[in-house]
Amino acid sequence: MSERMKLTDILETLDQQVEDETITLQDIVDTFNARGFGPVVLLPALIALLPTGGVPGVPSLCGIFIALMAIQLVFGRRSPWLPGTLAERGISHERWHRVTQRVRPWTRRIDRFLAPRLSWLMGDVTQRLLALLMVVLGLGMMPLELLPFAAAIPALAIVIMALGLTAGDGLMMLIGLAITVAGGVGLGLWLI
């Protein structure tokens, strides 16, 4: 089983270990490769969820990345692989550092809720099923980008599930699933 991390650790590790002017998607994969798919899926979902996710194209790019990473987990890969065309996309290191500093008080609060729970949800089969759901949610972010901030619904569900995957917290996985169902029902009612 991979080493479990907290959200604050993930943000700070990336900020401290990458020395380039831009933090690329490949940097995310390289930094967290040994820790599995949780952090690799979590960070683009956070980017899509934060105000930068309102920038045209950002939710789609994050959704494609999430789908590519999650489908690898569905097929049983133990470490993520990223195609070269997406590998060089990223965010300025200075901007990442500012965001990390600004959200640290919030991430520390979130970290207090993370704990290894409901370990039966952390089994191989259930992780693959939840990864399949993340693929669907990631791809769903592309058309939802056309509606203002609608892509935040699947991004939030992915963030919660990725936190559960990262921290070994099955309860967070269930909460992410509940957000997915509630968001789907709410969006369906809104569109009708």
C-alpha atoms as a PDB file:
ATOM      1  CA  MET A   1       0.000   0.000   0.000  1.00  0.00           C
ATOM      2  CA  SER A   2       1.273   3.483  -0.846  1.00  0.00           C
ATOM      3  CA  GLU A   3       2.338   6.017   1.750  1.00  0.00           C
ATOM      4  CA  ARG A   4      -0.571   8.154   2.988  1.00  0.00           C
ATOM      5  CA  MET A   5      -0.301  11.933   2.877  1.00  0.00           C
ATOM      6  CA  LYS A   6      -2.332  14.894   3.986  1.00  0.00           C
ATOM      7  CA  LEU A   7      -3.515  17.645   1.622  1.00  0.00           C
ATOM      8  CA  THR A   8      -1.158  20.249   3.115  1.00  0.00           C
ATOM      9  CA  ASP A   9       1.792  17.873   2.628  1.00  0.00           C
ATOM     10  CA  ILE A  10       0.901  17.392  -1.038  1.00  0.00           C
ATOM     11  CA  LEU A  11       0.729  21.119  -1.800  1.00  0.00           C
ATOM     12  CA  GLU A  12       3.902  21.936   0.133  1.00  0.00           C
ATOM     13  CA  THR A  13       5.874  18.991  -1.280  1.00  0.00           C
ATOM     14  CA  LEU A  14       5.194  20.116  -4.827  1.00  0.00           C
ATOM     15  CA  ASP A  15       6.048  23.729  -3.965  1.00  0.00           C
ATOM     16  CA  GLN A  16       9.351  22.743  -2.313  1.00  0.00           C
ATOM     17  CA  GLN A  17      10.582  19.980  -4.627  1.00  0.00           C
ATOM     18  CA  VAL A  18       9.991  21.601  -8.026  1.00  0.00           C
ATOM     19  CA  GLU A  19      12.616  24.262  -8.735  1.00  0.00           C
ATOM     20  CA  ASP A  20      11.590  25.304 -12.263  1.00  0.00           C
ATOM     21  CA  GLU A  21       9.659  28.489 -13.055  1.00  0.00           C
ATOM     22  CA  THR A  22       6.657  26.396 -14.091  1.00  0.00           C
ATOM     23  CA  ILE A  23       5.148  23.430 -12.266  1.00  0.00           C
ATOM     24  CA  THR A  24       4.098  21.082 -15.052  1.00  0.00           C
ATOM     25  CA  LEU A  25       1.749  18.123 -15.024  1.00  0.00           C
ATOM     26  CA  GLN A  26       4.836  15.918 -15.443  1.00  0.00           C
ATOM     27  CA  ASP A  27       6.269  17.454 -12.245  1.00  0.00           C
ATOM     28  CA  ILE A  28       3.113  16.334 -10.419  1.00  0.00           C
ATOM     29  CA  VAL A  29       3.477  12.787 -11.761  1.00  0.00           C
ATOM     30  CA  ASP A  30       7.222  12.666 -10.996  1.00  0.00           C
ATOM     31  CA  THR A  31       6.832  14.065  -7.485  1.00  0.00           C
ATOM     32  CA  PHE A  32       4.059  11.691  -6.413  1.00  0.00           C
ATOM     33  CA  ASN A  33       4.711   8.665  -8.634  1.00  0.00           C
ATOM     34  CA  ALA A  34       5.621   6.367  -5.735  1.00  0.00           C
ATOM     35  CA  ARG A  35       2.559   7.448  -3.755  1.00  0.00           C
ATOM     36  CA  GLY A  36       0.057   6.294  -6.346  1.00  0.00           C
ATOM     37  CA  PHE A  37      -2.807   7.992  -8.094  1.00  0.00           C
ATOM     38  CA  GLY A  38      -4.431   9.959  -5.257  1.00  0.00           C
ATOM     39  CA  PRO A  39      -2.200  13.078  -5.351  1.00  0.00           C
ATOM     40  CA  VAL A  40      -1.845  12.914  -9.140  1.00  0.00           C
ATOM     41  CA  VAL A  41      -5.638  13.101  -9.582  1.00  0.00           C
ATOM     42  CA  LEU A  42      -6.181  15.451  -6.628  1.00  0.00           C
ATOM     43  CA  LEU A  43      -4.081  18.381  -7.827  1.00  0.00           C
ATOM     44  CA  PRO A  44      -5.735  18.945 -11.233  1.00  0.00           C
ATOM     45  CA  ALA A  45      -9.153  18.517  -9.598  1.00  0.00           C
ATOM     46  CA  LEU A  46      -8.197  21.235  -7.096  1.00  0.00           C
ATOM     47  CA  ILE A  47      -7.050  23.487  -9.938  1.00  0.00           C
ATOM     48  CA  ALA A  48     -10.418  22.999 -11.669  1.00  0.00           C
ATOM     49  CA  LEU A  49     -12.268  23.645  -8.408  1.00  0.00           C
ATOM     50  CA  LEU A  50     -10.421  26.828  -7.439  1.00  0.00           C
ATOM     51  CA  PRO A  51     -11.173  30.182  -9.117  1.00  0.00           C
ATOM     52  CA  THR A  52      -8.629  29.341 -11.861  1.00  0.00           C
ATOM     53  CA  GLY A  53     -11.128  26.679 -12.919  1.00  0.00           C
ATOM     54  CA  GLY A  54     -13.344  29.472 -14.257  1.00  0.00           C
ATOM     55  CA  VAL A  55     -10.752  30.286 -16.938  1.00  0.00           C
ATOM     56  CA  PRO A  56     -11.901  28.842 -20.287  1.00  0.00           C
ATOM     57  CA  GLY A  57     -10.123  25.605 -21.110  1.00  0.00           C
ATOM     58  CA  VAL A  58      -8.797  24.899 -17.604  1.00  0.00           C
ATOM     59  CA  PRO A  59     -11.610  22.521 -16.544  1.00  0.00           C
ATOM     60  CA  SER A  60     -11.329  20.636 -19.851  1.00  0.00           C
ATOM     61  CA  LEU A  61      -7.550  20.272 -19.572  1.00  0.00           C
ATOM     62  CA  CYS A  62      -7.851  19.152 -15.937  1.00  0.00           C
ATOM     63  CA  GLY A  63     -10.683  16.765 -16.817  1.00  0.00           C
ATOM     64  CA  ILE A  64      -8.686  15.127 -19.623  1.00  0.00           C
ATOM     65  CA  PHE A  65      -5.701  14.746 -17.305  1.00  0.00           C
ATOM     66  CA  ILE A  66      -7.857  13.238 -14.550  1.00  0.00           C
ATOM     67  CA  ALA A  67      -9.476  10.798 -17.003  1.00  0.00           C
ATOM     68  CA  LEU A  68      -6.064   9.721 -18.358  1.00  0.00           C
ATOM     69  CA  MET A  69      -4.738   9.096 -14.872  1.00  0.00           C
ATOM     70  CA  ALA A  70      -7.861   7.367 -13.528  1.00  0.00           C
ATOM     71  CA  ILE A  71      -8.213   5.025 -16.520  1.00  0.00           C
ATOM     72  CA  GLN A  72      -4.732   3.729 -15.748  1.00  0.00           C
ATOM     73  CA  LEU A  73      -5.881   2.848 -12.222  1.00  0.00           C
ATOM     74  CA  VAL A  74      -8.951   1.120 -13.700  1.00  0.00           C
ATOM     75  CA  PHE A  75      -6.638  -1.122 -15.725  1.00  0.00           C
ATOM     76  CA  GLY A  76      -4.466  -1.905 -12.730  1.00  0.00           C
ATOM     77  CA  ARG A  77      -1.363   0.237 -13.248  1.00  0.00           C
ATOM     78  CA  ARG A  78       0.472   0.875  -9.994  1.00  0.00           C
ATOM     79  CA  SER A  79       2.142   4.122 -11.079  1.00  0.00           C
ATOM     80  CA  PRO A  80       0.867   6.835 -13.430  1.00  0.00           C
ATOM     81  CA  TRP A  81       2.115   7.515 -16.974  1.00  0.00           C
ATOM     82  CA  LEU A  82       1.496  10.776 -18.868  1.00  0.00           C
ATOM     83  CA  PRO A  83       1.670  11.444 -22.635  1.00  0.00           C
ATOM     84  CA  GLY A  84       4.274  14.026 -23.660  1.00  0.00           C
ATOM     85  CA  THR A  85       1.782  16.554 -25.068  1.00  0.00           C
ATOM     86  CA  LEU A  86       0.157  17.030 -21.669  1.00  0.00           C
ATOM     87  CA  ALA A  87       3.346  16.625 -19.659  1.00  0.00           C
ATOM     88  CA  GLU A  88       4.613  20.158 -20.318  1.00  0.00           C
ATOM     89  CA  ARG A  89       1.375  21.990 -19.456  1.00  0.00           C
ATOM     90  CA  GLY A  90       1.389  23.697 -16.088  1.00  0.00           C
ATOM     91  CA  ILE A  91       1.120  26.698 -13.788  1.00  0.00           C
ATOM     92  CA  SER A  92       3.785  29.207 -12.791  1.00  0.00           C
ATOM     93  CA  HIS A  93       5.697  28.211  -9.679  1.00  0.00           C
ATOM     94  CA  GLU A  94       5.229  31.683  -8.208  1.00  0.00           C
ATOM     95  CA  ARG A  95       1.457  31.434  -8.616  1.00  0.00           C
ATOM     96  CA  TRP A  96       1.440  27.919  -7.115  1.00  0.00           C
ATOM     97  CA  HIS A  97       3.439  29.196  -4.128  1.00  0.00           C
ATOM     98  CA  ARG A  98       0.966  32.053  -3.561  1.00  0.00           C
ATOM     99  CA  VAL A  99      -2.002  29.687  -3.774  1.00  0.00           C
ATOM    100  CA  THR A 100      -0.302  27.221  -1.391  1.00  0.00           C
ATOM    101  CA  GLN A 101       0.310  29.972   1.162  1.00  0.00           C
ATOM    102  CA  ARG A 102      -3.241  31.274   0.864  1.00  0.00           C
ATOM    103  CA  VAL A 103      -4.996  27.902   1.216  1.00  0.00           C
ATOM    104  CA  ARG A 104      -2.745  26.416   3.920  1.00  0.00           C
ATOM    105  CA  PRO A 105      -5.106  27.338   6.813  1.00  0.00           C
ATOM    106  CA  TRP A 106      -7.962  25.619   4.966  1.00  0.00           C
ATOM    107  CA  THR A 107      -5.969  22.547   4.033  1.00  0.00           C
ATOM    108  CA  ARG A 108      -4.887  22.068   7.635  1.00  0.00           C
ATOM    109  CA  ARG A 109      -8.537  22.070   8.691  1.00  0.00           C
ATOM    110  CA  ILE A 110      -9.347  19.492   6.012  1.00  0.00           C
ATOM    111  CA  ASP A 111      -6.374  17.368   7.125  1.00  0.00           C
ATOM    112  CA  ARG A 112      -7.943  16.990  10.581  1.00  0.00           C
ATOM    113  CA  PHE A 113     -10.870  15.110   9.018  1.00  0.00           C
ATOM    114  CA  LEU A 114      -8.707  12.635   7.085  1.00  0.00           C
ATOM    115  CA  ALA A 115      -8.042   9.274   8.725  1.00  0.00           C
ATOM    116  CA  PRO A 116      -7.803   5.651   7.609  1.00  0.00           C
ATOM    117  CA  ARG A 117     -11.455   4.518   7.831  1.00  0.00           C
ATOM    118  CA  LEU A 118     -13.724   2.002   6.103  1.00  0.00           C
ATOM    119  CA  SER A 119     -10.741   0.055   4.796  1.00  0.00           C
ATOM    120  CA  TRP A 120     -13.003  -2.285   2.795  1.00  0.00           C
ATOM    121  CA  LEU A 121     -13.486   0.616   0.359  1.00  0.00           C
ATOM    122  CA  MET A 122      -9.742   0.749  -0.188  1.00  0.00           C
ATOM    123  CA  GLY A 123      -9.659  -2.705  -1.783  1.00  0.00           C
ATOM    124  CA  ASP A 124      -8.470  -3.195  -5.346  1.00  0.00           C
ATOM    125  CA  VAL A 125     -11.909  -3.769  -6.896  1.00  0.00           C
ATOM    126  CA  THR A 126     -13.621  -0.813  -5.226  1.00  0.00           C
ATOM    127  CA  GLN A 127     -10.693   1.486  -6.058  1.00  0.00           C
ATOM    128  CA  ARG A 128     -10.976   0.463  -9.704  1.00  0.00           C
ATOM    129  CA  LEU A 129     -14.727   1.127  -9.714  1.00  0.00           C
ATOM    130  CA  LEU A 130     -14.259   4.542  -8.122  1.00  0.00           C
ATOM    131  CA  ALA A 131     -11.461   5.264 -10.620  1.00  0.00           C
ATOM    132  CA  LEU A 132     -13.925   4.448 -13.414  1.00  0.00           C
ATOM    133  CA  LEU A 133     -16.313   6.987 -11.896  1.00  0.00           C
ATOM    134  CA  MET A 134     -13.448   9.522 -11.845  1.00  0.00           C
ATOM    135  CA  VAL A 135     -12.910   8.893 -15.572  1.00  0.00           C
ATOM    136  CA  VAL A 136     -16.573   9.672 -16.243  1.00  0.00           C
ATOM    137  CA  LEU A 137     -16.468  12.761 -14.009  1.00  0.00           C
ATOM    138  CA  GLY A 138     -13.224  14.001 -15.589  1.00  0.00           C
ATOM    139  CA  LEU A 139     -14.620  13.666 -19.107  1.00  0.00           C
ATOM    140  CA  GLY A 140     -17.884  15.222 -17.928  1.00  0.00           C
ATOM    141  CA  MET A 141     -16.024  18.385 -16.959  1.00  0.00           C
ATOM    142  CA  MET A 142     -15.506  19.228 -20.653  1.00  0.00           C
ATOM    143  CA  PRO A 143     -19.156  19.799 -21.652  1.00  0.00           C
ATOM    144  CA  LEU A 144     -19.977  21.233 -18.220  1.00  0.00           C
ATOM    145  CA  GLU A 145     -17.409  23.953 -18.835  1.00  0.00           C
ATOM    146  CA  LEU A 146     -19.999  25.584 -21.114  1.00  0.00           C
ATOM    147  CA  LEU A 147     -22.178  26.277 -18.060  1.00  0.00           C
ATOM    148  CA  PRO A 148     -20.690  28.802 -15.628  1.00  0.00           C
ATOM    149  CA  PHE A 149     -18.871  26.970 -12.813  1.00  0.00           C
ATOM    150  CA  ALA A 150     -20.789  23.712 -13.460  1.00  0.00           C
ATOM    151  CA  ALA A 151     -17.492  21.844 -13.859  1.00  0.00           C
ATOM    152  CA  ALA A 152     -16.891  22.555 -10.157  1.00  0.00           C
ATOM    153  CA  ILE A 153     -19.426  19.834  -9.229  1.00  0.00           C
ATOM    154  CA  PRO A 154     -17.455  16.895 -10.670  1.00  0.00           C
ATOM    155  CA  ALA A 155     -14.192  18.601  -9.621  1.00  0.00           C
ATOM    156  CA  LEU A 156     -15.400  18.689  -5.996  1.00  0.00           C
ATOM    157  CA  ALA A 157     -16.424  15.024  -6.117  1.00  0.00           C
ATOM    158  CA  ILE A 158     -13.028  14.085  -7.566  1.00  0.00           C
ATOM    159  CA  VAL A 159     -11.199  16.151  -4.922  1.00  0.00           C
ATOM    160  CA  ILE A 160     -13.063  14.369  -2.123  1.00  0.00           C
ATOM    161  CA  MET A 161     -12.507  10.901  -3.634  1.00  0.00           C
ATOM    162  CA  ALA A 162      -8.841  11.644  -4.359  1.00  0.00           C
ATOM    163  CA  LEU A 163      -8.377  12.782  -0.749  1.00  0.00           C
ATOM    164  CA  GLY A 164      -9.863   9.464   0.325  1.00  0.00           C
ATOM    165  CA  LEU A 165      -7.566   7.575  -2.032  1.00  0.00           C
ATOM    166  CA  THR A 166      -4.530   9.539  -0.836  1.00  0.00           C
ATOM    167  CA  ALA A 167      -5.270   9.238   2.892  1.00  0.00           C
ATOM    168  CA  GLY A 168      -6.739   5.711   2.798  1.00  0.00           C
ATOM    169  CA  ASP A 169     -10.065   7.145   3.960  1.00  0.00           C
ATOM    170  CA  GLY A 170     -13.040   5.138   2.691  1.00  0.00           C
ATOM    171  CA  LEU A 171     -15.479   7.580   4.276  1.00  0.00           C
ATOM    172  CA  MET A 172     -14.167  10.349   2.010  1.00  0.00           C
ATOM    173  CA  MET A 173     -14.674   8.022  -0.958  1.00  0.00           C
ATOM    174  CA  LEU A 174     -18.335   7.593   0.069  1.00  0.00           C
ATOM    175  CA  ILE A 175     -18.774  11.345   0.524  1.00  0.00           C
ATOM    176  CA  GLY A 176     -17.349  11.889  -2.978  1.00  0.00           C
ATOM    177  CA  LEU A 177     -19.817   9.349  -4.329  1.00  0.00           C
ATOM    178  CA  ALA A 178     -22.691  11.130  -2.541  1.00  0.00           C
ATOM    179  CA  ILE A 179     -21.596  14.483  -4.029  1.00  0.00           C
ATOM    180  CA  THR A 180     -21.556  12.865  -7.471  1.00  0.00           C
ATOM    181  CA  VAL A 181     -25.108  11.573  -7.084  1.00  0.00           C
ATOM    182  CA  ALA A 182     -26.416  14.815  -5.575  1.00  0.00           C
ATOM    183  CA  GLY A 183     -24.652  16.925  -8.222  1.00  0.00           C
ATOM    184  CA  GLY A 184     -25.997  14.756 -11.025  1.00  0.00           C
ATOM    185  CA  VAL A 185     -29.549  14.967  -9.694  1.00  0.00           C
ATOM    186  CA  GLY A 186     -29.260  18.724  -9.117  1.00  0.00           C
ATOM    187  CA  LEU A 187     -27.829  19.359 -12.572  1.00  0.00           C
ATOM    188  CA  GLY A 188     -30.481  17.147 -14.137  1.00  0.00           C
ATOM    189  CA  LEU A 189     -33.268  19.064 -12.380  1.00  0.00           C
ATOM    190  CA  TRP A 190     -31.706  22.401 -13.362  1.00  0.00           C
ATOM    191  CA  LEU A 191     -31.524  21.376 -17.037  1.00  0.00           C
ATOM    192  CA  ILE A 192     -35.160  20.224 -17.067  1.00  0.00           C
END
